[in-house]
Structures are given as structure tokens and as C-alpha cells.
PDB file of N, CA and C in Angstrom:
ATOM      1  N   MET A   1      90.998  53.273 103.032  1.00  0.00           N
ATOM      2  CA  MET A   1      90.581  53.237 101.659  1.00  0.00           C
ATOM      3  C   MET A   1      89.071  53.493 101.595  1.00  0.00           C
ATOM      4  N   ILE A   2      88.626  54.255 100.608  1.00  0.00           N
ATOM      5  CA  ILE A   2      87.221  54.575 100.441  1.00  0.00           C
ATOM      6  C   ILE A   2      86.583  53.545  99.517  1.00  0.00           C
ATOM      7  N   LYS A   3      85.479  52.960  99.986  1.00  0.00           N
ATOM      8  CA  LYS A   3      84.748  51.983  99.181  1.00  0.00           C
ATOM      9  C   LYS A   3      83.841  52.731  98.213  1.00  0.00           C
ATOM     10  N   LYS A   4      83.989  52.468  96.938  1.00  0.00           N
ATOM     11  CA  LYS A   4      83.164  53.127  95.924  1.00  0.00           C
ATOM     12  C   LYS A   4      81.905  52.304  95.690  1.00  0.00           C
ATOM     13  N   GLU A   5      80.773  53.014  95.629  1.00  0.00           N
ATOM     14  CA  GLU A   5      79.511  52.365  95.346  1.00  0.00           C
ATOM     15  C   GLU A   5      78.834  53.088  94.189  1.00  0.00           C
ATOM     16  N   GLU A   6      78.142  52.341  93.352  1.00  0.00           N
ATOM     17  CA  GLU A   6      77.430  52.934  92.230  1.00  0.00           C
ATOM     18  C   GLU A   6      76.148  53.594  92.726  1.00  0.00           C
ATOM     19  N   LEU A   7      75.932  54.844  92.331  1.00  0.00           N
ATOM     20  CA  LEU A   7      74.709  55.549  92.679  1.00  0.00           C
ATOM     21  C   LEU A   7      73.768  55.537  91.492  1.00  0.00           C
ATOM     22  N   ARG A   8      72.521  55.215  91.743  1.00  0.00           N
ATOM     23  CA  ARG A   8      71.511  55.242  90.686  1.00  0.00           C
ATOM     24  C   ARG A   8      70.598  56.429  90.961  1.00  0.00           C
ATOM     25  N   LEU A   9      70.844  57.523  90.254  1.00  0.00           N
ATOM     26  CA  LEU A   9      70.089  58.746  90.458  1.00  0.00           C
ATOM     27  C   LEU A   9      68.963  58.844  89.443  1.00  0.00           C
ATOM     28  N   THR A  10      67.872  59.478  89.845  1.00  0.00           N
ATOM     29  CA  THR A  10      66.728  59.643  88.961  1.00  0.00           C
ATOM     30  C   THR A  10      66.273  61.102  88.986  1.00  0.00           C
ATOM     31  N   GLN A  11      65.676  61.550  87.915  1.00  0.00           N
ATOM     32  CA  GLN A  11      65.164  62.917  87.847  1.00  0.00           C
ATOM     33  C   GLN A  11      63.659  62.972  88.108  1.00  0.00           C
ATOM     34  N   GLU A  12      63.023  61.813  88.285  1.00  0.00           N
ATOM     35  CA  GLU A  12      61.573  61.805  88.489  1.00  0.00           C
ATOM     36  C   GLU A  12      61.211  62.336  89.880  1.00  0.00           C
ATOM     37  N   TRP A  13      60.001  62.881  89.996  1.00  0.00           N
ATOM     38  CA  TRP A  13      59.525  63.454  91.253  1.00  0.00           C
ATOM     39  C   TRP A  13      59.162  62.318  92.201  1.00  0.00           C
ATOM     40  N   ASP A  14      59.805  62.256  93.370  1.00  0.00           N
ATOM     41  CA  ASP A  14      59.585  61.147  94.296  1.00  0.00           C
ATOM     42  C   ASP A  14      59.219  61.623  95.701  1.00  0.00           C
ATOM     43  N   LYS A  15      58.628  62.811  95.785  1.00  0.00           N
ATOM     44  CA  LYS A  15      58.271  63.373  97.090  1.00  0.00           C
ATOM     45  C   LYS A  15      56.811  63.078  97.424  1.00  0.00           C
ATOM     46  N   THR A  16      56.444  63.240  98.699  1.00  0.00           N
ATOM     47  CA  THR A  16      55.073  62.996  99.130  1.00  0.00           C
ATOM     48  C   THR A  16      54.193  64.224  98.930  1.00  0.00           C
ATOM     49  N   PHE A  17      54.777  65.379  98.666  1.00  0.00           N
ATOM     50  CA  PHE A  17      54.011  66.597  98.437  1.00  0.00           C
ATOM     51  C   PHE A  17      54.046  66.946  96.957  1.00  0.00           C
ATOM     52  N   PRO A  18      53.033  67.679  96.473  1.00  0.00           N
ATOM     53  CA  PRO A  18      52.965  67.997  95.045  1.00  0.00           C
ATOM     54  C   PRO A  18      54.095  68.929  94.598  1.00  0.00           C
ATOM     55  N   LYS A  19      54.578  68.722  93.410  1.00  0.00           N
ATOM     56  CA  LYS A  19      55.595  69.587  92.829  1.00  0.00           C
ATOM     57  C   LYS A  19      54.952  70.920  92.441  1.00  0.00           C
ATOM     58  N   SER A  20      55.651  72.016  92.712  1.00  0.00           N
ATOM     59  CA  SER A  20      55.105  73.343  92.443  1.00  0.00           C
ATOM     60  C   SER A  20      56.044  74.114  91.523  1.00  0.00           C
ATOM     61  N   ASP A  21      55.466  74.842  90.562  1.00  0.00           N
ATOM     62  CA  ASP A  21      56.262  75.718  89.696  1.00  0.00           C
ATOM     63  C   ASP A  21      56.713  76.971  90.434  1.00  0.00           C
ATOM     64  N   LYS A  22      56.170  77.227  91.618  1.00  0.00           N
ATOM     65  CA  LYS A  22      56.522  78.407  92.416  1.00  0.00           C
ATOM     66  C   LYS A  22      57.814  78.196  93.213  1.00  0.00           C
ATOM     67  N   VAL A  23      58.294  76.967  93.227  1.00  0.00           N
ATOM     68  CA  VAL A  23      59.486  76.619  94.017  1.00  0.00           C
ATOM     69  C   VAL A  23      60.541  76.029  93.090  1.00  0.00           C
ATOM     70  N   ASP A  24      61.796  76.425  93.304  1.00  0.00           N
ATOM     71  CA  ASP A  24      62.915  75.866  92.539  1.00  0.00           C
ATOM     72  C   ASP A  24      63.372  74.588  93.248  1.00  0.00           C
ATOM     73  N   HIS A  25      62.987  73.438  92.714  1.00  0.00           N
ATOM     74  CA  HIS A  25      63.313  72.155  93.317  1.00  0.00           C
ATOM     75  C   HIS A  25      64.614  71.622  92.740  1.00  0.00           C
ATOM     76  N   SER A  26      65.429  71.011  93.597  1.00  0.00           N
ATOM     77  CA  SER A  26      66.629  70.326  93.121  1.00  0.00           C
ATOM     78  C   SER A  26      66.953  69.186  94.078  1.00  0.00           C
ATOM     79  N   LYS A  27      67.601  68.169  93.551  1.00  0.00           N
ATOM     80  CA  LYS A  27      68.000  67.031  94.371  1.00  0.00           C
ATOM     81  C   LYS A  27      69.468  67.168  94.730  1.00  0.00           C
ATOM     82  N   VAL A  28      69.808  66.718  95.920  1.00  0.00           N
ATOM     83  CA  VAL A  28      71.198  66.712  96.358  1.00  0.00           C
ATOM     84  C   VAL A  28      71.562  65.304  96.818  1.00  0.00           C
ATOM     85  N   THR A  29      72.828  64.997  96.770  1.00  0.00           N
ATOM     86  CA  THR A  29      73.328  63.712  97.208  1.00  0.00           C
ATOM     87  C   THR A  29      74.437  63.938  98.218  1.00  0.00           C
ATOM     88  N   PHE A  30      74.371  63.227  99.342  1.00  0.00           N
ATOM     89  CA  PHE A  30      75.392  63.323 100.373  1.00  0.00           C
ATOM     90  C   PHE A  30      76.199  62.036 100.387  1.00  0.00           C
ATOM     91  N   VAL A  31      77.492  62.163 100.587  1.00  0.00           N
ATOM     92  CA  VAL A  31      78.383  61.009 100.653  1.00  0.00           C
ATOM     93  C   VAL A  31      78.962  60.954 102.050  1.00  0.00           C
ATOM     94  N   GLU A  32      78.817  59.817 102.701  1.00  0.00           N
ATOM     95  CA  GLU A  32      79.348  59.636 104.050  1.00  0.00           C
ATOM     96  C   GLU A  32      80.778  59.111 103.956  1.00  0.00           C
ATOM     97  N   ILE A  33      81.675  59.768 104.648  1.00  0.00           N
ATOM     98  CA  ILE A  33      83.065  59.328 104.699  1.00  0.00           C
ATOM     99  C   ILE A  33      83.377  58.974 106.146  1.00  0.00           C
ATOM    100  N   ASN A  34      83.685  57.727 106.393  1.00  0.00           N
ATOM    101  CA  ASN A  34      83.987  57.255 107.733  1.00  0.00           C
ATOM    102  C   ASN A  34      85.494  57.318 107.938  1.00  0.00           C
ATOM    103  N   THR A  35      85.942  58.237 108.798  1.00  0.00           N
ATOM    104  CA  THR A  35      87.370  58.397 109.052  1.00  0.00           C
ATOM    105  C   THR A  35      87.843  57.592 110.252  1.00  0.00           C
ATOM    106  N   GLY A  36      86.868  57.033 110.997  1.00  0.00           N
ATOM    107  CA  GLY A  36      87.232  56.283 112.191  1.00  0.00           C
ATOM    108  C   GLY A  36      87.378  57.163 113.412  1.00  0.00           C
ATOM    109  N   VAL A  37      87.357  58.481 113.236  1.00  0.00           N
ATOM    110  CA  VAL A  37      87.487  59.405 114.361  1.00  0.00           C
ATOM    111  C   VAL A  37      86.207  59.358 115.179  1.00  0.00           C
ATOM    112  N   GLY A  38      86.341  59.299 116.484  1.00  0.00           N
ATOM    113  CA  GLY A  38      85.186  59.314 117.354  1.00  0.00           C
ATOM    114  C   GLY A  38      84.589  57.935 117.613  1.00  0.00           C
ATOM    115  N   GLN A  39      85.179  56.905 117.048  1.00  0.00           N
ATOM    116  CA  GLN A  39      84.671  55.563 117.310  1.00  0.00           C
ATOM    117  C   GLN A  39      85.103  55.124 118.701  1.00  0.00           C
ATOM    118  N   ASP A  40      84.295  54.260 119.280  1.00  0.00           N
ATOM    119  CA  ASP A  40      84.643  53.756 120.606  1.00  0.00           C
ATOM    120  C   ASP A  40      85.869  52.865 120.531  1.00  0.00           C
ATOM    121  N   ILE A  41      86.878  53.235 121.283  1.00  0.00           N
ATOM    122  CA  ILE A  41      88.109  52.460 121.347  1.00  0.00           C
ATOM    123  C   ILE A  41      88.301  52.016 122.798  1.00  0.00           C
ATOM    124  N   PRO A  42      88.454  50.727 123.048  1.00  0.00           N
ATOM    125  CA  PRO A  42      88.603  50.271 124.429  1.00  0.00           C
ATOM    126  C   PRO A  42      89.836  50.910 125.094  1.00  0.00           C
ATOM    127  N   GLU A  43      89.651  51.336 126.335  1.00  0.00           N
ATOM    128  CA  GLU A  43      90.770  51.932 127.076  1.00  0.00           C
ATOM    129  C   GLU A  43      91.709  50.843 127.573  1.00  0.00           C
ATOM    130  N   GLU A  44      92.995  51.161 127.569  1.00  0.00           N
ATOM    131  CA  GLU A  44      93.970  50.221 128.123  1.00  0.00           C
ATOM    132  C   GLU A  44      93.932  50.328 129.626  1.00  0.00           C
ATOM    133  N   ARG A  45      94.031  49.204 130.301  1.00  0.00           N
ATOM    134  CA  ARG A  45      94.000  49.222 131.777  1.00  0.00           C
ATOM    135  C   ARG A  45      95.300  48.720 132.338  1.00  0.00           C
TER     136      ARG A  45
END
């Protein structure tokens, strides 16, 4: 089951470098989905 979390997004400039009109700036959001694949599973002996 996927746990839903509320995202609080903002449109304000929050970077350490100055905003430039010469560059098309946009924000992106990534969502991590943990499928359990690749997790360490103890080997049976």
C-alpha cells in the first residue's frame, strides 16, 4: 500500500542563485515509491 503524504508546494524563488529572465525556470517534484525490490533479505541456511 502507498502511504499518501500532503505536499506543500510554493511558487516563490528559493534558490541560492539569482533568478534570471534569460532562463526558463520551473520546479519539479519527485515521488519515491518503495517496492521492496533490492532490499537486503537474510539468506536461508
